[in-house]
C-alpha cells in the first residue's frame, strides 16, 4: 500500500465536476461510473508516479499525465505528494493556469 496520497487542486475538482455534469445530460449512471474511473486513476498514481508521460507542452519531468479514455489527467509530484492539476479532453492542449497547491 502506498504511503503517498493524491490531492485534487481546485481546478481539477472543477474539471471532474464539469465532465460529470456533461455526461449526466445523457446518463447519470454513466456520469457516476466515469467520475469513479477518473478518481480510481488518481488513486493509482501514488503507487508509481513516474508511469505517466511528461506533458509534451511543458517538457518538465515533474509535470506528468495519464490519459484515460479521452481525458488527460495532468499531475505533479511535490514533497512526496501527488497533486492532480487538471483533467481535460485529450484533444486540447495543456495550459498551466494559476494552480494552487495545498
N, C-alpha and C. Protein backbone atom coordinates (compact mmCIF):
# COMPACT_ATOMS: atom_id res chain seq x y z
N UNK A 1 0.85 -1.19 0.00
CA UNK A 1 0.00 0.00 0.00
C UNK A 1 0.89 1.25 0.00
N UNK A 2 0.60 2.17 -0.86
CA UNK A 2 1.39 3.38 -0.99
C UNK A 2 1.18 4.32 0.20
N UNK A 3 2.27 4.96 0.63
CA UNK A 3 2.17 5.94 1.70
C UNK A 3 1.83 7.32 1.12
N UNK A 4 2.07 7.49 -0.16
CA UNK A 4 1.77 8.76 -0.80
C UNK A 4 0.27 8.88 -1.04
N UNK A 5 -0.20 10.11 -1.02
CA UNK A 5 -1.61 10.37 -1.28
C UNK A 5 -1.73 11.29 -2.48
N UNK A 6 -2.93 11.43 -2.99
CA UNK A 6 -3.14 12.41 -4.05
C UNK A 6 -4.09 13.48 -3.56
N UNK A 7 -3.93 14.65 -4.14
CA UNK A 7 -4.77 15.79 -3.81
C UNK A 7 -5.25 16.43 -5.10
N UNK A 8 -6.53 16.76 -5.14
CA UNK A 8 -7.07 17.47 -6.31
C UNK A 8 -6.92 18.97 -6.07
N UNK A 9 -6.37 19.66 -7.06
CA UNK A 9 -6.39 21.12 -6.98
C UNK A 9 -7.83 21.57 -7.19
N UNK A 10 -8.11 22.79 -6.89
CA UNK A 10 -9.45 23.33 -7.10
C UNK A 10 -9.83 23.18 -8.58
N UNK A 11 -8.88 23.46 -9.47
CA UNK A 11 -9.15 23.35 -10.90
C UNK A 11 -9.51 21.92 -11.30
N UNK A 12 -8.75 20.95 -10.81
CA UNK A 12 -9.02 19.54 -11.15
C UNK A 12 -10.38 19.10 -10.62
N UNK A 13 -10.74 19.53 -9.42
CA UNK A 13 -12.06 19.18 -8.87
C UNK A 13 -13.17 19.77 -9.73
N UNK A 14 -12.99 21.02 -10.15
CA UNK A 14 -13.99 21.64 -11.03
C UNK A 14 -14.05 20.93 -12.38
N UNK A 15 -12.90 20.53 -12.89
CA UNK A 15 -12.85 19.81 -14.17
C UNK A 15 -13.66 18.51 -14.09
N UNK A 16 -13.44 17.74 -13.04
CA UNK A 16 -14.15 16.47 -12.88
C UNK A 16 -15.65 16.73 -12.71
N UNK A 17 -15.99 17.75 -11.97
CA UNK A 17 -17.40 18.10 -11.81
C UNK A 17 -18.03 18.47 -13.16
N UNK A 18 -17.34 19.28 -13.95
CA UNK A 18 -17.86 19.68 -15.26
C UNK A 18 -18.03 18.48 -16.20
N UNK A 19 -17.04 17.59 -16.19
CA UNK A 19 -17.10 16.39 -17.03
C UNK A 19 -18.29 15.53 -16.61
N UNK A 20 -18.44 15.36 -15.31
CA UNK A 20 -19.54 14.54 -14.78
C UNK A 20 -20.89 15.14 -15.16
N UNK A 21 -21.03 16.44 -15.00
CA UNK A 21 -22.29 17.10 -15.34
C UNK A 21 -22.58 17.00 -16.84
N UNK A 22 -21.56 17.08 -17.66
CA UNK A 22 -21.75 16.97 -19.11
C UNK A 22 -22.26 15.57 -19.48
N UNK A 23 -21.62 14.54 -18.93
CA UNK A 23 -22.04 13.17 -19.22
C UNK A 23 -23.44 12.90 -18.66
N UNK A 24 -23.75 13.49 -17.51
CA UNK A 24 -25.05 13.26 -16.86
C UNK A 24 -26.22 13.78 -17.68
N UNK A 25 -25.96 14.65 -18.63
CA UNK A 25 -27.04 15.12 -19.51
C UNK A 25 -27.67 13.95 -20.26
N UNK A 26 -26.83 12.94 -20.56
CA UNK A 26 -27.32 11.75 -21.26
C UNK A 26 -27.61 10.59 -20.32
N UNK A 27 -26.75 10.45 -19.29
CA UNK A 27 -26.91 9.30 -18.39
C UNK A 27 -26.23 9.58 -17.05
N UNK A 28 -27.03 9.64 -16.02
CA UNK A 28 -26.48 9.85 -14.68
C UNK A 28 -25.61 8.67 -14.27
N UNK A 29 -26.05 7.46 -14.60
CA UNK A 29 -25.28 6.26 -14.26
C UNK A 29 -23.90 6.29 -14.91
N UNK A 30 -23.85 6.62 -16.21
CA UNK A 30 -22.56 6.70 -16.91
C UNK A 30 -21.68 7.80 -16.33
N UNK A 31 -22.29 8.89 -15.95
CA UNK A 31 -21.54 10.01 -15.37
C UNK A 31 -20.88 9.59 -14.07
N UNK A 32 -21.63 8.94 -13.21
CA UNK A 32 -21.09 8.48 -11.93
C UNK A 32 -19.99 7.45 -12.15
N UNK A 33 -20.24 6.54 -13.05
CA UNK A 33 -19.25 5.50 -13.36
C UNK A 33 -17.94 6.12 -13.87
N UNK A 34 -18.07 7.10 -14.77
CA UNK A 34 -16.86 7.71 -15.33
C UNK A 34 -16.12 8.54 -14.28
N UNK A 35 -16.84 9.26 -13.45
CA UNK A 35 -16.19 10.01 -12.36
C UNK A 35 -15.43 9.05 -11.45
N UNK A 36 -16.03 7.90 -11.15
CA UNK A 36 -15.35 6.88 -10.33
C UNK A 36 -14.08 6.39 -11.02
N UNK A 37 -14.15 6.20 -12.34
CA UNK A 37 -12.97 5.76 -13.10
C UNK A 37 -11.85 6.80 -13.00
N UNK A 38 -12.20 8.06 -13.18
CA UNK A 38 -11.20 9.12 -13.10
C UNK A 38 -10.55 9.15 -11.72
N UNK A 39 -11.36 9.03 -10.69
CA UNK A 39 -10.81 9.04 -9.33
C UNK A 39 -9.97 7.80 -9.04
N UNK A 40 -10.34 6.67 -9.65
CA UNK A 40 -9.54 5.46 -9.50
C UNK A 40 -8.16 5.64 -10.14
N UNK A 41 -8.11 6.30 -11.28
CA UNK A 41 -6.82 6.60 -11.91
C UNK A 41 -6.01 7.48 -10.96
N UNK A 42 -6.64 8.49 -10.39
CA UNK A 42 -5.96 9.37 -9.43
C UNK A 42 -5.40 8.58 -8.25
N UNK A 43 -6.19 7.66 -7.72
CA UNK A 43 -5.76 6.84 -6.58
C UNK A 43 -4.58 5.94 -6.94
N UNK A 44 -4.47 5.56 -8.20
CA UNK A 44 -3.40 4.65 -8.62
C UNK A 44 -2.06 5.35 -8.85
N UNK A 45 -2.08 6.65 -9.05
CA UNK A 45 -0.84 7.37 -9.38
C UNK A 45 0.22 7.27 -8.29
N UNK A 46 -0.12 7.41 -7.01
CA UNK A 46 0.93 7.35 -5.98
C UNK A 46 1.72 6.04 -5.96
N UNK A 47 1.14 4.95 -6.44
CA UNK A 47 1.85 3.68 -6.45
C UNK A 47 3.04 3.67 -7.41
N UNK A 48 2.97 4.45 -8.49
CA UNK A 48 4.06 4.52 -9.46
C UNK A 48 3.92 5.83 -10.24
N UNK A 49 4.26 6.95 -9.61
CA UNK A 49 4.02 8.26 -10.23
C UNK A 49 4.81 8.50 -11.53
N UNK A 50 5.92 7.79 -11.71
CA UNK A 50 6.72 8.01 -12.91
C UNK A 50 6.13 7.34 -14.14
N UNK A 51 5.04 6.59 -13.98
CA UNK A 51 4.47 5.89 -15.14
C UNK A 51 3.82 6.84 -16.12
N UNK A 52 3.38 7.98 -15.65
CA UNK A 52 2.78 8.96 -16.55
C UNK A 52 3.84 9.60 -17.42
N UNK A 53 3.45 9.95 -18.63
CA UNK A 53 4.42 10.57 -19.53
C UNK A 53 4.59 12.05 -19.16
N UNK A 54 5.73 12.59 -19.52
CA UNK A 54 5.98 14.01 -19.33
C UNK A 54 5.07 14.77 -20.29
N UNK A 55 4.39 15.80 -19.80
CA UNK A 55 3.46 16.56 -20.62
C UNK A 55 4.25 17.26 -21.73
N UNK A 56 3.95 16.95 -23.00
CA UNK A 56 4.73 17.49 -24.11
C UNK A 56 4.75 19.02 -24.17
N UNK A 57 3.67 19.66 -23.81
CA UNK A 57 3.60 21.12 -23.89
C UNK A 57 4.51 21.81 -22.86
N UNK A 58 4.89 21.06 -21.82
CA UNK A 58 5.69 21.65 -20.75
C UNK A 58 7.14 21.14 -20.82
N UNK A 59 7.30 19.84 -21.00
CA UNK A 59 8.63 19.25 -21.08
C UNK A 59 9.37 19.18 -19.76
N UNK A 60 8.67 19.33 -18.66
CA UNK A 60 9.29 19.28 -17.33
C UNK A 60 9.00 17.91 -16.71
N UNK A 61 10.03 17.22 -16.21
CA UNK A 61 9.80 15.87 -15.69
C UNK A 61 8.89 15.78 -14.47
N UNK A 62 8.64 16.89 -13.79
CA UNK A 62 7.74 16.85 -12.64
C UNK A 62 6.28 17.05 -13.03
N UNK A 63 6.02 17.45 -14.26
CA UNK A 63 4.64 17.61 -14.74
C UNK A 63 4.35 16.45 -15.68
N UNK A 64 3.49 15.55 -15.23
CA UNK A 64 3.21 14.32 -15.98
C UNK A 64 1.72 14.17 -16.21
N UNK A 65 1.39 13.21 -17.06
CA UNK A 65 -0.02 12.97 -17.34
C UNK A 65 -0.27 11.51 -17.61
N UNK A 66 -1.51 11.14 -17.34
CA UNK A 66 -2.02 9.82 -17.71
C UNK A 66 -3.27 10.09 -18.53
N UNK A 67 -3.38 9.39 -19.63
CA UNK A 67 -4.56 9.54 -20.47
C UNK A 67 -5.51 8.39 -20.16
N UNK A 68 -6.73 8.77 -19.83
CA UNK A 68 -7.78 7.77 -19.55
C UNK A 68 -8.93 8.05 -20.52
N UNK A 69 -9.15 7.09 -21.40
CA UNK A 69 -10.15 7.25 -22.46
C UNK A 69 -9.83 8.54 -23.22
N UNK A 70 -10.71 9.51 -23.24
CA UNK A 70 -10.45 10.75 -23.99
C UNK A 70 -10.04 11.90 -23.09
N UNK A 71 -9.51 11.62 -21.92
CA UNK A 71 -9.18 12.68 -20.97
C UNK A 71 -7.75 12.58 -20.49
N UNK A 72 -7.14 13.73 -20.32
CA UNK A 72 -5.79 13.84 -19.80
C UNK A 72 -5.86 14.24 -18.33
N UNK A 73 -5.19 13.47 -17.49
CA UNK A 73 -5.08 13.80 -16.07
C UNK A 73 -3.64 14.27 -15.84
N UNK A 74 -3.47 15.56 -15.66
CA UNK A 74 -2.15 16.15 -15.50
C UNK A 74 -1.87 16.30 -14.01
N UNK A 75 -0.68 15.87 -13.62
CA UNK A 75 -0.34 15.90 -12.20
C UNK A 75 1.13 16.25 -11.99
N UNK A 76 1.46 16.57 -10.75
CA UNK A 76 2.84 16.81 -10.37
C UNK A 76 3.10 16.13 -9.03
N UNK A 77 4.35 15.85 -8.77
CA UNK A 77 4.76 15.26 -7.50
C UNK A 77 5.60 16.32 -6.79
N UNK A 78 5.15 16.70 -5.61
CA UNK A 78 5.89 17.68 -4.81
C UNK A 78 5.93 17.21 -3.36
N UNK A 79 7.14 17.15 -2.83
CA UNK A 79 7.34 16.76 -1.43
C UNK A 79 6.63 15.43 -1.12
N UNK A 80 6.73 14.49 -2.04
CA UNK A 80 6.15 13.17 -1.83
C UNK A 80 4.63 13.10 -1.97
N UNK A 81 4.02 14.19 -2.41
CA UNK A 81 2.57 14.21 -2.59
C UNK A 81 2.24 14.38 -4.06
N UNK A 82 1.14 13.78 -4.46
CA UNK A 82 0.66 13.87 -5.84
C UNK A 82 -0.43 14.93 -5.89
N UNK A 83 -0.26 15.90 -6.77
CA UNK A 83 -1.26 16.94 -6.97
C UNK A 83 -1.82 16.80 -8.38
N UNK A 84 -3.12 16.51 -8.48
CA UNK A 84 -3.78 16.45 -9.78
C UNK A 84 -4.07 17.90 -10.15
N UNK A 85 -3.47 18.36 -11.25
CA UNK A 85 -3.57 19.77 -11.63
C UNK A 85 -4.80 20.07 -12.47
N UNK A 86 -5.02 19.24 -13.49
CA UNK A 86 -6.14 19.46 -14.39
C UNK A 86 -6.59 18.14 -14.99
N UNK A 87 -7.86 18.09 -15.38
CA UNK A 87 -8.42 16.95 -16.10
C UNK A 87 -9.21 17.55 -17.25
N UNK A 88 -8.85 17.17 -18.48
CA UNK A 88 -9.49 17.80 -19.63
C UNK A 88 -9.45 16.89 -20.85
N UNK A 89 -10.21 17.24 -21.86
CA UNK A 89 -10.31 16.45 -23.09
C UNK A 89 -8.93 16.33 -23.74
N UNK A 90 -8.59 15.13 -24.15
CA UNK A 90 -7.27 14.84 -24.70
C UNK A 90 -7.00 15.57 -26.02
N UNK A 91 -8.03 16.06 -26.68
CA UNK A 91 -7.84 16.79 -27.93
C UNK A 91 -7.32 18.21 -27.68
N UNK A 92 -7.37 18.65 -26.43
CA UNK A 92 -6.95 20.01 -26.10
C UNK A 92 -5.51 20.04 -25.62
N UNK A 93 -4.89 21.19 -25.72
CA UNK A 93 -3.54 21.38 -25.23
C UNK A 93 -3.57 21.77 -23.76
N UNK A 94 -2.52 21.39 -23.05
CA UNK A 94 -2.40 21.74 -21.64
C UNK A 94 -1.94 23.19 -21.53
N UNK A 95 -2.62 23.94 -20.70
CA UNK A 95 -2.23 25.31 -20.39
C UNK A 95 -2.12 25.42 -18.88
N UNK A 96 -0.92 25.68 -18.43
CA UNK A 96 -0.70 25.83 -16.99
C UNK A 96 -1.40 27.08 -16.53
N UNK A 97 -2.41 26.90 -15.70
CA UNK A 97 -3.15 28.01 -15.16
C UNK A 97 -2.63 28.34 -13.77
N UNK A 98 -3.20 29.28 -13.13
CA UNK A 98 -2.81 29.60 -11.76
C UNK A 98 -3.27 28.47 -10.86
N UNK A 99 -2.40 27.51 -10.65
CA UNK A 99 -2.72 26.32 -9.87
C UNK A 99 -2.27 26.55 -8.44
N UNK A 100 -3.19 26.36 -7.52
CA UNK A 100 -2.87 26.48 -6.10
C UNK A 100 -2.64 25.08 -5.54
N UNK A 101 -1.43 24.85 -5.02
CA UNK A 101 -1.12 23.56 -4.41
C UNK A 101 -1.30 23.69 -2.91
N UNK A 102 -2.04 22.77 -2.35
CA UNK A 102 -2.38 22.67 -0.92
C UNK A 102 -3.25 23.79 -0.47
